[in-house]
Structure formats: C-alpha cells, structure tokens
C-alpha cells in the first residue's frame, strides 16, 4: 500500500466510501505491523507495548527533564497499563 494512502487512512481522510477493499487487501499486514503497539499520546508515535509498560513503571526522575515529562504524561495517560480505567471498581 502506498505511503500516502496509509497516511490518509490514519488521518481519517481516505477518500474511499468504504474501507472493505483496503481491509481485505491489507488488513492482515496492518494488524501484524501494529500488534502489541500502543499509540503514545506523549511521544506522538506508536511504541511497543513493552516500552509503554517500561515508561509507565519507571520511577520519577528529577535529574532528566525528558524522563520527568514522560513520567508526568504516563500518570495522566488513559492507556497506562497500571492505572484503573475511569469508573472501574466501585
């Protein structure tokens, strides 16, 4: 699949009326490429799920600004694997 087409799919601007053909032709490849990946809102890119867990479990750093910002972002992140979803146990 052409890179511009992938970009339009991810942005939600793909011009096709139906994505059935895209799904049939490329669905398995897309799932394989994105399996076990998390779209990190802080880094603004997909990262392996294990990297997400490592960021979320990392201790707070006061000596490294970038790690401190990542730590703060992980604490607010709805995808954080160590926090309970809103309205969880009640």
N, C-alpha and C. Protein backbone atom coordinates (compact mmCIF):
# COMPACT_ATOMS: atom_id res chain seq x y z
N UNK A 1 0.86 -1.18 0.00
CA UNK A 1 0.00 0.00 0.00
C UNK A 1 0.90 1.23 0.00
N UNK A 2 0.54 2.21 -0.77
CA UNK A 2 1.34 3.43 -0.89
C UNK A 2 1.33 4.22 0.42
N UNK A 3 2.46 4.82 0.72
CA UNK A 3 2.61 5.59 1.95
C UNK A 3 1.54 6.69 2.08
N UNK A 4 1.25 7.46 1.02
CA UNK A 4 0.20 8.48 1.16
C UNK A 4 -1.16 7.89 1.52
N UNK A 5 -1.46 6.72 0.99
CA UNK A 5 -2.73 6.06 1.33
C UNK A 5 -2.78 5.68 2.80
N UNK A 6 -1.67 5.16 3.31
CA UNK A 6 -1.61 4.80 4.73
C UNK A 6 -1.78 6.06 5.57
N UNK A 7 -1.11 7.12 5.18
CA UNK A 7 -1.21 8.38 5.92
C UNK A 7 -2.66 8.88 5.95
N UNK A 8 -3.34 8.81 4.81
CA UNK A 8 -4.74 9.25 4.77
C UNK A 8 -5.63 8.36 5.61
N UNK A 9 -5.36 7.05 5.62
CA UNK A 9 -6.14 6.13 6.46
C UNK A 9 -5.99 6.48 7.92
N UNK A 10 -4.75 6.72 8.35
CA UNK A 10 -4.50 7.04 9.75
C UNK A 10 -5.09 8.38 10.15
N UNK A 11 -5.13 9.32 9.20
CA UNK A 11 -5.68 10.65 9.48
C UNK A 11 -7.20 10.68 9.35
N UNK A 12 -7.77 9.61 8.81
CA UNK A 12 -9.22 9.57 8.62
C UNK A 12 -9.70 10.34 7.42
N UNK A 13 -8.80 10.58 6.46
CA UNK A 13 -9.18 11.35 5.27
C UNK A 13 -9.13 10.52 4.00
N UNK A 14 -9.07 9.20 4.12
CA UNK A 14 -9.01 8.33 2.95
C UNK A 14 -10.28 8.54 2.14
N UNK A 15 -10.18 8.80 0.83
CA UNK A 15 -11.34 9.19 0.03
C UNK A 15 -12.34 8.08 -0.31
N UNK A 16 -12.01 6.83 -0.08
CA UNK A 16 -12.91 5.74 -0.43
C UNK A 16 -14.18 5.79 0.41
N UNK A 17 -15.30 5.44 -0.21
CA UNK A 17 -16.57 5.40 0.53
C UNK A 17 -16.59 4.26 1.53
N UNK A 18 -15.94 3.17 1.19
CA UNK A 18 -15.90 2.00 2.06
C UNK A 18 -14.46 1.53 2.17
N UNK A 19 -14.10 1.08 3.33
CA UNK A 19 -12.75 0.57 3.52
C UNK A 19 -12.69 -0.95 3.41
N UNK A 20 -13.76 -1.57 2.91
CA UNK A 20 -13.80 -3.02 2.80
C UNK A 20 -12.67 -3.57 1.94
N UNK A 21 -12.41 -2.94 0.79
CA UNK A 21 -11.36 -3.42 -0.10
C UNK A 21 -9.99 -3.28 0.57
N UNK A 22 -9.77 -2.15 1.21
CA UNK A 22 -8.50 -1.94 1.93
C UNK A 22 -8.35 -3.00 3.02
N UNK A 23 -9.42 -3.25 3.75
CA UNK A 23 -9.37 -4.23 4.82
C UNK A 23 -9.06 -5.62 4.28
N UNK A 24 -9.71 -5.99 3.18
CA UNK A 24 -9.47 -7.32 2.60
C UNK A 24 -8.04 -7.46 2.09
N UNK A 25 -7.54 -6.41 1.43
CA UNK A 25 -6.21 -6.49 0.82
C UNK A 25 -5.08 -6.34 1.84
N UNK A 26 -5.26 -5.48 2.82
CA UNK A 26 -4.14 -5.11 3.69
C UNK A 26 -4.40 -5.33 5.18
N UNK A 27 -5.58 -5.79 5.53
CA UNK A 27 -5.93 -5.93 6.94
C UNK A 27 -4.95 -6.77 7.74
N UNK A 28 -4.58 -7.93 7.23
CA UNK A 28 -3.67 -8.81 7.96
C UNK A 28 -2.30 -8.16 8.15
N UNK A 29 -1.80 -7.48 7.13
CA UNK A 29 -0.50 -6.83 7.22
C UNK A 29 -0.53 -5.68 8.23
N UNK A 30 -1.63 -4.94 8.26
CA UNK A 30 -1.76 -3.82 9.19
C UNK A 30 -1.83 -4.34 10.62
N UNK A 31 -2.63 -5.38 10.84
CA UNK A 31 -2.74 -5.95 12.17
C UNK A 31 -1.39 -6.49 12.63
N UNK A 32 -0.67 -7.17 11.74
CA UNK A 32 0.64 -7.72 12.09
C UNK A 32 1.62 -6.61 12.45
N UNK A 33 1.59 -5.51 11.70
CA UNK A 33 2.53 -4.40 11.94
C UNK A 33 2.21 -3.66 13.23
N UNK A 34 0.93 -3.58 13.59
CA UNK A 34 0.52 -2.79 14.75
C UNK A 34 0.24 -3.61 16.00
N UNK A 35 0.31 -4.92 15.87
CA UNK A 35 0.04 -5.79 17.02
C UNK A 35 1.02 -5.47 18.14
N UNK A 36 0.51 -5.45 19.34
CA UNK A 36 1.31 -5.18 20.53
C UNK A 36 2.00 -3.82 20.48
N UNK A 37 1.35 -2.84 19.86
CA UNK A 37 1.88 -1.48 19.83
C UNK A 37 0.84 -0.56 20.44
N UNK A 38 1.31 0.51 21.02
CA UNK A 38 0.46 1.50 21.68
C UNK A 38 0.78 2.85 21.06
N UNK A 39 -0.26 3.62 20.75
CA UNK A 39 -0.05 4.98 20.25
C UNK A 39 0.14 5.87 21.47
N UNK A 40 1.37 6.25 21.74
CA UNK A 40 1.70 7.05 22.92
C UNK A 40 1.32 8.51 22.67
N UNK A 41 0.36 9.04 23.43
CA UNK A 41 -0.04 10.43 23.23
C UNK A 41 1.08 11.43 23.51
N UNK A 42 1.97 11.08 24.43
CA UNK A 42 3.07 11.99 24.77
C UNK A 42 4.14 12.01 23.67
N UNK A 43 4.55 10.82 23.21
CA UNK A 43 5.58 10.73 22.18
C UNK A 43 5.04 10.97 20.78
N UNK A 44 3.72 10.87 20.66
CA UNK A 44 3.02 11.06 19.38
C UNK A 44 3.50 10.10 18.31
N UNK A 45 3.70 8.85 18.73
CA UNK A 45 4.07 7.79 17.80
C UNK A 45 3.75 6.45 18.44
N UNK A 46 3.68 5.44 17.61
CA UNK A 46 3.45 4.11 18.12
C UNK A 46 4.71 3.55 18.75
N UNK A 47 4.56 2.90 19.88
CA UNK A 47 5.68 2.27 20.57
C UNK A 47 5.27 0.85 20.94
N UNK A 48 6.23 -0.05 21.09
CA UNK A 48 5.88 -1.41 21.53
C UNK A 48 5.21 -1.36 22.91
N UNK A 49 4.27 -2.26 23.13
CA UNK A 49 3.55 -2.29 24.40
C UNK A 49 4.52 -2.44 25.57
N UNK A 50 5.59 -3.20 25.38
CA UNK A 50 6.58 -3.38 26.45
C UNK A 50 7.26 -2.06 26.79
N UNK A 51 7.53 -1.23 25.79
CA UNK A 51 8.12 0.10 26.04
C UNK A 51 7.14 0.98 26.81
N UNK A 52 5.86 0.88 26.46
CA UNK A 52 4.82 1.63 27.18
C UNK A 52 4.82 1.22 28.66
N UNK A 53 4.85 -0.09 28.91
CA UNK A 53 4.86 -0.57 30.29
C UNK A 53 6.11 -0.10 31.03
N UNK A 54 7.26 -0.07 30.33
CA UNK A 54 8.50 0.37 30.96
C UNK A 54 8.43 1.85 31.33
N UNK A 55 7.88 2.67 30.42
CA UNK A 55 7.71 4.11 30.73
C UNK A 55 6.77 4.28 31.92
N UNK A 56 5.67 3.55 31.91
CA UNK A 56 4.66 3.69 32.97
C UNK A 56 5.18 3.23 34.33
N UNK A 57 6.06 2.23 34.33
CA UNK A 57 6.57 1.68 35.58
C UNK A 57 7.83 2.41 36.07
N UNK A 58 8.39 3.25 35.24
CA UNK A 58 9.64 3.93 35.60
C UNK A 58 9.43 4.86 36.79
N UNK A 59 10.43 4.96 37.65
CA UNK A 59 10.31 5.89 38.77
C UNK A 59 10.42 7.33 38.29
N UNK A 60 9.92 8.24 39.09
CA UNK A 60 10.01 9.67 38.75
C UNK A 60 11.48 10.08 38.72
N UNK A 61 11.83 10.83 37.70
CA UNK A 61 13.21 11.31 37.57
C UNK A 61 13.22 12.82 37.76
N UNK A 62 14.07 13.30 38.65
CA UNK A 62 14.19 14.76 38.80
C UNK A 62 15.48 15.27 38.18
N UNK A 63 16.29 14.35 37.66
CA UNK A 63 17.56 14.76 37.06
C UNK A 63 17.51 14.82 35.53
N UNK A 64 16.44 14.29 34.93
CA UNK A 64 16.33 14.27 33.48
C UNK A 64 14.96 14.84 33.10
N UNK A 65 14.97 16.00 32.45
CA UNK A 65 13.72 16.70 32.12
C UNK A 65 12.82 15.87 31.21
N UNK A 66 13.41 15.23 30.20
CA UNK A 66 12.60 14.44 29.27
C UNK A 66 11.92 13.27 29.98
N UNK A 67 12.66 12.59 30.85
CA UNK A 67 12.06 11.47 31.60
C UNK A 67 11.02 11.95 32.58
N UNK A 68 11.22 13.12 33.16
CA UNK A 68 10.23 13.70 34.07
C UNK A 68 8.93 14.00 33.33
N UNK A 69 9.05 14.58 32.14
CA UNK A 69 7.85 14.87 31.34
C UNK A 69 7.14 13.58 30.92
N UNK A 70 7.92 12.55 30.56
CA UNK A 70 7.33 11.26 30.20
C UNK A 70 6.61 10.68 31.42
N UNK A 71 7.22 10.74 32.59
CA UNK A 71 6.62 10.22 33.81
C UNK A 71 5.29 10.92 34.09
N UNK A 72 5.28 12.26 33.98
CA UNK A 72 4.04 13.02 34.20
C UNK A 72 2.98 12.65 33.18
N UNK A 73 3.37 12.52 31.92
CA UNK A 73 2.41 12.15 30.87
C UNK A 73 1.83 10.75 31.13
N UNK A 74 2.67 9.83 31.56
CA UNK A 74 2.19 8.47 31.84
C UNK A 74 1.17 8.47 32.98
N UNK A 75 1.35 9.31 33.96
CA UNK A 75 0.41 9.35 35.09
C UNK A 75 -0.96 9.83 34.64
N UNK A 76 -1.03 10.66 33.62
CA UNK A 76 -2.32 11.18 33.12
C UNK A 76 -2.89 10.34 31.98
N UNK A 77 -2.11 9.43 31.45
CA UNK A 77 -2.48 8.71 30.23
C UNK A 77 -3.59 7.67 30.48
N UNK A 78 -4.64 7.70 29.66
CA UNK A 78 -5.70 6.71 29.80
C UNK A 78 -5.25 5.31 29.34
N UNK A 79 -4.13 5.22 28.62
CA UNK A 79 -3.62 3.93 28.15
C UNK A 79 -2.63 3.30 29.12
N UNK A 80 -2.34 3.97 30.22
CA UNK A 80 -1.38 3.48 31.19
C UNK A 80 -1.84 2.10 31.68
N UNK A 81 -1.01 1.07 31.47
CA UNK A 81 -1.44 -0.28 31.85
C UNK A 81 -1.52 -0.50 33.36
N UNK A 82 -1.03 0.43 34.16
CA UNK A 82 -1.03 0.25 35.60
C UNK A 82 -2.10 1.07 36.33
N UNK A 83 -2.91 1.82 35.59
CA UNK A 83 -3.98 2.58 36.23
C UNK A 83 -5.31 1.97 35.89
N UNK A 84 -6.24 2.11 36.80
CA UNK A 84 -7.58 1.59 36.61
C UNK A 84 -8.38 2.54 35.71
N UNK A 85 -9.15 2.01 34.77
CA UNK A 85 -9.99 2.87 33.94
C UNK A 85 -11.01 3.62 34.79
N UNK A 86 -11.43 4.80 34.31
CA UNK A 86 -12.45 5.60 35.00
C UNK A 86 -13.69 4.73 35.21
N UNK A 87 -14.27 4.83 36.39
CA UNK A 87 -15.49 4.09 36.69
C UNK A 87 -15.23 2.60 36.86
N UNK A 88 -14.00 2.24 37.18
CA UNK A 88 -13.64 0.83 37.34
C UNK A 88 -14.36 0.19 38.50
N UNK A 89 -13.61 -0.25 39.49
CA UNK A 89 -14.22 -0.89 40.65
C UNK A 89 -14.97 0.14 41.47
N UNK A 90 -16.14 -0.21 41.93
CA UNK A 90 -16.88 0.78 42.66
C UNK A 90 -17.77 0.27 43.64
